[in-house]
Amino acid sequence: MKHLVLLSKARKTGPRRGWARVLLSILMACAGPFALLFLSFGLLQAQTEAPKPKSAFDKQVMADYVRHLVPYGPQVTIVVADPKPSGVSGFKEVSIKASLGAVSEERQYMVSDDGQKILVATVYDVKSHPFKPELDKLKTDFQPSIGTPGASVVVVIFSDFECTYCREEAKMLREKLVQAYPTEVRLYFKDFPLSQIHPWARPAAIAGRCVFKQKPALFWDYHDYMFENQATVNEANLKEKIGEFAKSKALDMEALTACVAGKAAEAEVDKSITEARSLGISSTPTLFVNGRRIAGSIKWEGLQQLIDIELGYQRVNKNAGEQCCQVTLSTPFPQK
């Protein structure tokens, strides 16, 4: 009835303006109860369709974020591992591996349980040696070494025979380390040839392993020979240079050649490379003093200070070096 009255009034108010106002009033009057329902439904739908907050546990989200954070270029491949316990309440550890050709590195991040915060931090446990995670990854069994077994301080060097900085550090270590610490320090050599920039470093490392296999004590002579002749060695004459060394030391050349051509020594070099990458090493030389990382070259005075600090710490704690662990020293290659 109300609508009919409105229509009657519209005839008296004029043709177009009156009709428009009346129709609008009718529509509002009819739709009123339904408009509220429609608006409520729309708001509910908008809430249900609201985008979820980004989570660092989404591997693509994490990869994109870290690519920008580091930064990594578009040509770098990023692989995000599954989260694992971090040892820190409220956080999980996520490992990310970035690769470009044969070069790769791994970085660890801690992600809050709600996936909203990323923490880059080194976690220390006051009950353990500060560098226990590194000590656990450093494997010295069956590796070339000099110094006294059972030493309080273990120095591990990852090196490359074609690296000029490695040559200088090798000379410093050979001349001063054992002389300064004849019973307190033991030095281990590990291979990390950077093949992408040093073409003969890997075959030289394999040959070094073969020398070590045949006569362990002669490894250090080979080590010194390769670094001393680094400027004249190249990819073309490497075999000749190795032959000259073998002849001067009366090595069995036939056995050495067979070893270089075989897989055992190469597998040992690959194992050392894998270990280096697990430690996040990307350059040479890299030293570890009872697990303490020294990336790049260091002068003797600086290294000596770090060793003295570690010796003092070990007199009280005895939680690193060979004094705390059982070390296998029997043969250069594990026997299968």
Protein backbone atom coordinates (compact mmCIF):
# COMPACT_ATOMS: atom_id res chain seq x y z
CA MET A 1 0.00 0.00 0.00
CA LYS A 2 2.88 2.37 0.86
CA HIS A 3 4.35 1.80 -2.57
CA LEU A 4 1.07 2.65 -4.28
CA VAL A 5 0.92 5.95 -2.38
CA LEU A 6 4.42 6.77 -3.54
CA LEU A 7 3.50 6.03 -7.14
CA SER A 8 0.40 8.27 -6.82
CA LYS A 9 2.55 11.14 -5.53
CA ALA A 10 5.00 10.62 -8.35
CA ARG A 11 2.28 11.40 -10.93
CA LYS A 12 1.76 14.80 -9.29
CA THR A 13 5.46 15.81 -8.93
CA GLY A 14 6.46 15.64 -12.52
CA PRO A 15 7.42 13.09 -15.04
CA ARG A 16 11.08 12.15 -14.72
CA ARG A 17 12.42 13.54 -11.45
CA GLY A 18 9.45 12.26 -9.48
CA TRP A 19 9.56 8.78 -10.95
CA ALA A 20 13.32 8.46 -10.27
CA ARG A 21 12.96 9.41 -6.64
CA VAL A 22 10.02 7.07 -6.15
CA LEU A 23 11.77 4.10 -7.74
CA LEU A 24 14.90 4.69 -5.62
CA SER A 25 12.75 4.82 -2.47
CA ILE A 26 10.97 1.61 -3.43
CA LEU A 27 14.24 -0.21 -4.09
CA MET A 28 15.73 0.93 -0.78
CA ALA A 29 12.59 -0.03 1.10
CA CYS A 30 12.50 -3.49 -0.47
CA ALA A 31 16.21 -4.21 -0.31
CA GLY A 32 16.84 -2.89 3.19
CA PRO A 33 16.66 -6.19 5.08
CA PHE A 34 18.57 -7.99 2.33
CA ALA A 35 21.26 -5.30 1.94
CA LEU A 36 22.48 -5.86 5.48
CA LEU A 37 22.61 -9.60 4.90
CA PHE A 38 24.48 -9.11 1.60
CA LEU A 39 26.98 -6.73 3.23
CA SER A 40 27.62 -9.14 6.09
CA PHE A 41 28.20 -12.00 3.65
CA GLY A 42 30.63 -9.88 1.65
CA LEU A 43 32.64 -8.97 4.70
CA LEU A 44 32.79 -12.60 5.80
CA GLN A 45 33.96 -13.69 2.35
CA ALA A 46 36.62 -10.96 2.31
CA GLN A 47 37.91 -12.18 5.65
CA THR A 48 38.12 -15.79 4.54
CA GLU A 49 39.90 -14.82 1.33
CA ALA A 50 42.44 -12.49 3.00
CA PRO A 51 46.00 -13.54 2.04
CA LYS A 52 47.87 -15.57 4.62
CA PRO A 53 51.03 -13.96 6.05
CA LYS A 54 54.25 -15.09 4.41
CA SER A 55 56.15 -17.83 6.23
CA ALA A 56 59.88 -18.53 6.11
CA PHE A 57 58.98 -22.22 6.25
CA ASP A 58 57.60 -21.80 2.72
CA LYS A 59 60.72 -22.76 0.75
CA GLN A 60 60.03 -20.40 -2.13
CA VAL A 61 59.42 -17.49 0.24
CA MET A 62 62.65 -18.29 2.11
CA ALA A 63 64.66 -18.65 -1.11
CA ASP A 64 63.38 -15.34 -2.49
CA TYR A 65 64.07 -13.55 0.79
CA VAL A 66 67.62 -14.86 1.17
CA ARG A 67 68.39 -14.24 -2.51
CA HIS A 68 67.71 -10.55 -1.87
CA LEU A 69 69.30 -10.53 1.59
CA VAL A 70 72.75 -11.87 0.66
CA PRO A 71 72.35 -10.98 -2.33
CA TYR A 72 72.52 -13.80 -4.88
CA GLY A 73 72.14 -13.10 -8.59
CA PRO A 74 69.47 -14.79 -10.72
CA GLN A 75 72.03 -17.24 -12.09
CA VAL A 76 72.63 -18.72 -8.60
CA THR A 77 70.61 -21.83 -7.72
CA ILE A 78 69.21 -21.84 -4.18
CA VAL A 79 68.07 -25.00 -2.39
CA VAL A 80 66.27 -24.70 0.95
CA ALA A 81 66.52 -27.69 3.28
CA ASP A 82 63.76 -28.93 5.57
CA PRO A 83 63.75 -27.26 9.01
CA LYS A 84 65.38 -29.10 11.89
CA PRO A 85 65.76 -28.47 15.64
CA SER A 86 68.14 -25.60 16.34
CA GLY A 87 68.82 -26.10 20.03
CA VAL A 88 67.35 -22.64 20.67
CA SER A 89 63.85 -22.49 22.16
CA GLY A 90 61.29 -21.04 19.76
CA PHE A 91 63.44 -21.45 16.64
CA LYS A 92 64.21 -24.08 14.04
CA GLU A 93 67.32 -24.22 11.86
CA VAL A 94 67.01 -23.94 8.08
CA SER A 95 70.04 -24.59 5.88
CA ILE A 96 70.33 -22.96 2.46
CA LYS A 97 72.72 -24.08 -0.26
CA ALA A 98 73.59 -21.62 -3.03
CA SER A 99 75.32 -22.96 -6.14
CA LEU A 100 76.84 -21.51 -9.26
CA GLY A 101 78.36 -24.21 -11.42
CA ALA A 102 80.89 -26.16 -9.35
CA VAL A 103 81.02 -23.49 -6.65
CA SER A 104 78.62 -23.69 -3.72
CA GLU A 105 78.19 -22.53 -0.15
CA GLU A 106 75.83 -23.33 2.69
CA ARG A 107 74.42 -20.90 5.24
CA GLN A 108 72.33 -21.60 8.30
CA TYR A 109 69.40 -19.49 9.43
CA MET A 110 67.12 -19.80 12.44
CA VAL A 111 63.41 -19.32 11.85
CA SER A 112 60.90 -18.59 14.61
CA ASP A 113 58.27 -21.28 15.14
CA ASP A 114 55.58 -19.03 13.62
CA GLY A 115 57.72 -18.57 10.48
CA GLN A 116 57.72 -14.78 10.80
CA LYS A 117 61.26 -14.02 11.99
CA ILE A 118 64.65 -15.02 10.56
CA LEU A 119 67.66 -14.93 12.84
CA VAL A 120 71.28 -14.99 11.65
CA ALA A 121 73.37 -15.85 14.69
CA THR A 122 76.08 -18.09 16.06
CA VAL A 123 74.84 -20.13 19.00
CA TYR A 124 77.32 -21.06 21.72
CA ASP A 125 76.83 -23.65 24.44
CA VAL A 126 78.65 -22.66 27.64
CA LYS A 127 79.03 -26.34 28.56
CA SER A 128 81.18 -27.02 25.45
CA HIS A 129 84.14 -25.64 23.58
CA PRO A 130 83.06 -22.48 21.69
CA PHE A 131 83.93 -24.08 18.36
CA LYS A 132 82.62 -27.58 18.97
CA PRO A 133 80.44 -27.60 15.81
CA GLU A 134 83.56 -26.99 13.73
CA LEU A 135 85.59 -29.52 15.73
CA ASP A 136 82.91 -32.15 15.09
CA LYS A 137 83.18 -31.59 11.33
CA LEU A 138 86.98 -31.53 11.10
CA LYS A 139 88.24 -35.05 10.40
CA THR A 140 91.99 -35.56 10.79
CA ASP A 141 92.26 -39.35 10.63
CA PHE A 142 94.59 -40.54 7.85
CA GLN A 143 95.59 -36.97 6.95
CA PRO A 144 99.15 -35.67 6.40
CA SER A 145 100.42 -34.14 9.63
CA ILE A 146 103.46 -32.86 11.49
CA GLY A 147 103.92 -32.25 15.19
CA THR A 148 103.40 -34.34 18.29
CA PRO A 149 100.45 -36.76 18.55
CA GLY A 150 98.24 -35.87 21.50
CA ALA A 151 98.96 -32.15 21.20
CA SER A 152 96.76 -29.66 23.06
CA VAL A 153 96.22 -27.57 19.93
CA VAL A 154 95.37 -28.91 16.47
CA VAL A 155 95.83 -26.63 13.47
CA VAL A 156 94.05 -27.73 10.30
CA ILE A 157 94.77 -25.97 7.02
CA PHE A 158 92.65 -26.25 3.86
CA SER A 159 94.96 -25.38 1.01
CA ASP A 160 95.44 -25.32 -2.77
CA PHE A 161 98.82 -25.98 -4.43
CA GLU A 162 98.16 -23.36 -7.11
CA CYS A 163 97.12 -20.62 -4.66
CA THR A 164 99.80 -17.93 -4.16
CA TYR A 165 98.49 -16.97 -0.71
CA CYS A 166 98.62 -20.65 0.29
CA ARG A 167 102.26 -20.76 -0.77
CA GLU A 168 103.19 -17.93 1.59
CA GLU A 169 101.21 -19.38 4.48
CA ALA A 170 102.68 -22.84 3.89
CA LYS A 171 106.19 -21.39 4.08
CA MET A 172 105.38 -19.62 7.35
CA LEU A 173 103.87 -22.74 8.93
CA ARG A 174 106.72 -24.98 7.85
CA GLU A 175 109.41 -22.63 9.10
CA LYS A 176 107.90 -21.56 12.41
CA LEU A 177 105.05 -23.68 13.76
CA VAL A 178 106.80 -26.86 14.91
CA GLN A 179 109.93 -24.95 15.90
CA ALA A 180 107.91 -22.70 18.21
CA TYR A 181 105.64 -25.48 19.53
CA PRO A 182 107.53 -28.77 19.23
CA THR A 183 105.16 -30.76 21.50
CA GLU A 184 102.05 -28.62 21.94
CA VAL A 185 100.73 -28.21 18.40
CA ARG A 186 99.93 -30.63 15.58
CA LEU A 187 99.34 -29.46 12.00
CA TYR A 188 97.10 -31.29 9.52
CA PHE A 189 96.92 -30.60 5.79
CA LYS A 190 93.61 -30.84 3.91
CA ASP A 191 93.02 -30.39 0.18
CA PHE A 192 90.64 -27.76 -1.15
CA PRO A 193 91.66 -27.18 -4.79
CA LEU A 194 89.72 -24.33 -6.39
CA SER A 195 89.45 -26.04 -9.78
CA GLN A 196 87.32 -23.33 -11.35
CA ILE A 197 90.25 -20.88 -11.20
CA HIS A 198 93.25 -23.20 -10.68
CA PRO A 199 93.33 -25.83 -13.46
CA TRP A 200 96.21 -27.97 -12.13
CA ALA A 201 95.43 -27.73 -8.40
CA ARG A 202 93.18 -30.81 -8.30
CA PRO A 203 95.54 -33.22 -10.14
CA ALA A 204 98.38 -31.93 -7.96
CA ALA A 205 96.30 -32.69 -4.86
CA ILE A 206 95.57 -36.21 -6.11
CA ALA A 207 99.28 -36.82 -6.77
CA GLY A 208 100.05 -35.56 -3.26
CA ARG A 209 97.67 -38.13 -1.83
CA CYS A 210 99.45 -40.82 -3.81
CA VAL A 211 102.84 -39.75 -2.47
CA PHE A 212 101.35 -39.88 1.03
CA LYS A 213 100.00 -43.36 0.39
CA GLN A 214 103.36 -44.67 -0.82
CA LYS A 215 105.61 -42.90 1.73
CA PRO A 216 103.70 -40.78 4.26
CA ALA A 217 106.78 -38.93 5.50
CA LEU A 218 107.53 -37.69 1.98
CA PHE A 219 104.23 -35.85 1.66
CA TRP A 220 105.72 -32.75 3.26
CA ASP A 221 108.65 -32.84 0.82
CA TYR A 222 106.09 -32.96 -2.00
CA HIS A 223 104.15 -30.15 -0.31
CA ASP A 224 107.28 -27.95 -0.17
CA TYR A 225 108.31 -28.88 -3.72
CA MET A 226 104.97 -27.96 -5.26
CA PHE A 227 104.80 -24.60 -3.51
CA GLU A 228 108.44 -23.75 -4.24
CA ASN A 229 107.95 -24.53 -7.94
CA GLN A 230 104.46 -23.06 -8.19
CA ALA A 231 105.54 -20.30 -10.59
CA THR A 232 106.92 -22.76 -13.14
CA VAL A 233 104.25 -25.49 -12.88
CA ASN A 234 101.37 -25.46 -15.33
CA GLU A 235 98.69 -27.80 -16.60
CA ALA A 236 100.88 -29.00 -19.46
CA ASN A 237 104.02 -29.85 -17.46
CA LEU A 238 102.47 -31.03 -14.19
CA LYS A 239 103.11 -34.74 -14.88
CA GLU A 240 106.69 -33.97 -15.75
CA LYS A 241 107.18 -32.01 -12.52
CA ILE A 242 105.63 -34.81 -10.45
CA GLY A 243 107.93 -37.27 -12.21
CA GLU A 244 110.98 -35.15 -11.35
CA PHE A 245 109.98 -35.12 -7.71
CA ALA A 246 109.32 -38.88 -7.64
CA LYS A 247 112.71 -39.60 -9.21
CA SER A 248 114.54 -37.35 -6.74
CA LYS A 249 112.94 -39.21 -3.82
CA ALA A 250 113.28 -42.71 -5.28
CA LEU A 251 109.54 -43.27 -5.30
CA ASP A 252 108.02 -46.18 -7.22
CA MET A 253 106.93 -44.31 -10.34
CA GLU A 254 104.83 -47.18 -11.66
CA ALA A 255 102.86 -47.40 -8.41
CA LEU A 256 102.53 -43.62 -8.27
CA THR A 257 101.20 -43.46 -11.83
CA ALA A 258 98.68 -46.23 -11.13
CA CYS A 259 97.53 -44.45 -7.98
CA VAL A 260 97.03 -41.14 -9.81
CA ALA A 261 95.02 -42.93 -12.51
CA GLY A 262 92.93 -44.81 -9.93
CA LYS A 263 90.02 -43.63 -7.80
CA ALA A 264 91.19 -44.02 -4.18
CA ALA A 265 93.30 -40.87 -4.02
CA GLU A 266 90.71 -38.86 -5.98
CA ALA A 267 88.03 -39.99 -3.53
CA GLU A 268 90.16 -38.74 -0.64
CA VAL A 269 90.50 -35.32 -2.28
CA ASP A 270 86.74 -35.21 -2.93
CA LYS A 271 86.10 -36.13 0.70
CA SER A 272 88.28 -33.23 1.84
CA ILE A 273 86.44 -30.85 -0.52
CA THR A 274 83.06 -32.00 0.81
CA GLU A 275 84.25 -31.44 4.37
CA ALA A 276 85.45 -27.94 3.48
CA ARG A 277 82.08 -27.06 1.98
CA SER A 278 80.23 -28.41 5.02
CA LEU A 279 82.29 -25.93 7.04
CA GLY A 280 81.31 -23.08 4.72
CA ILE A 281 84.83 -22.64 3.31
CA SER A 282 84.91 -20.77 0.01
CA SER A 283 88.53 -19.60 -0.26
CA THR A 284 92.08 -20.67 0.52
CA PRO A 285 93.98 -20.68 2.70
CA THR A 286 91.57 -21.33 5.58
CA LEU A 287 93.00 -22.34 8.95
CA PHE A 288 91.34 -23.77 12.04
CA VAL A 289 93.05 -23.49 15.43
CA ASN A 290 91.19 -25.96 17.66
CA GLY A 291 88.14 -25.16 15.55
CA ARG A 292 88.62 -21.37 15.48
CA ARG A 293 88.32 -20.29 11.84
CA ILE A 294 90.93 -18.04 10.24
CA ALA A 295 89.88 -17.27 6.67
CA GLY A 296 92.63 -15.85 4.48
CA SER A 297 96.27 -15.24 5.31
CA ILE A 298 97.46 -14.47 8.80
CA LYS A 299 100.85 -13.22 9.94
CA TRP A 300 102.89 -15.37 12.30
CA GLU A 301 102.50 -12.96 15.23
CA GLY A 302 98.70 -13.14 14.98
CA LEU A 303 98.66 -16.93 14.69
CA GLN A 304 101.07 -17.30 17.60
CA GLN A 305 98.83 -15.16 19.80
CA LEU A 306 95.78 -17.32 19.00
CA ILE A 307 97.72 -20.52 19.71
CA ASP A 308 98.95 -19.18 23.05
CA ILE A 309 95.39 -18.22 24.01
CA GLU A 310 94.15 -21.72 23.13
CA LEU A 311 96.99 -23.39 25.02
CA GLY A 312 96.04 -21.45 28.15
CA TYR A 313 92.38 -22.37 27.70
CA GLN A 314 93.19 -26.07 27.24
CA ARG A 315 95.31 -26.26 30.39
CA VAL A 316 92.07 -25.75 32.31
CA ASN A 317 89.33 -27.16 30.07
CA LYS A 318 90.95 -29.97 28.04
CA ASN A 319 88.04 -30.07 25.61
CA ALA A 320 89.81 -29.78 22.25
CA GLY A 321 93.02 -30.80 20.53
CA GLU A 322 94.11 -34.41 20.38
CA GLN A 323 94.32 -34.72 24.15
CA CYS A 324 90.53 -34.98 24.31
CA CYS A 325 90.00 -37.40 21.43
CA GLN A 326 91.05 -40.73 20.00
CA VAL A 327 92.90 -40.17 16.73
CA THR A 328 93.78 -42.88 14.22
CA LEU A 329 97.34 -42.51 12.96
CA SER A 330 98.07 -45.93 11.45
CA THR A 331 97.78 -45.79 7.67
CA PRO A 332 97.40 -42.96 5.12
CA PHE A 333 94.36 -44.46 3.40
CA PRO A 334 91.55 -46.31 5.20
CA GLN A 335 91.70 -50.00 4.34
CA LYS A 336 88.55 -51.48 2.82
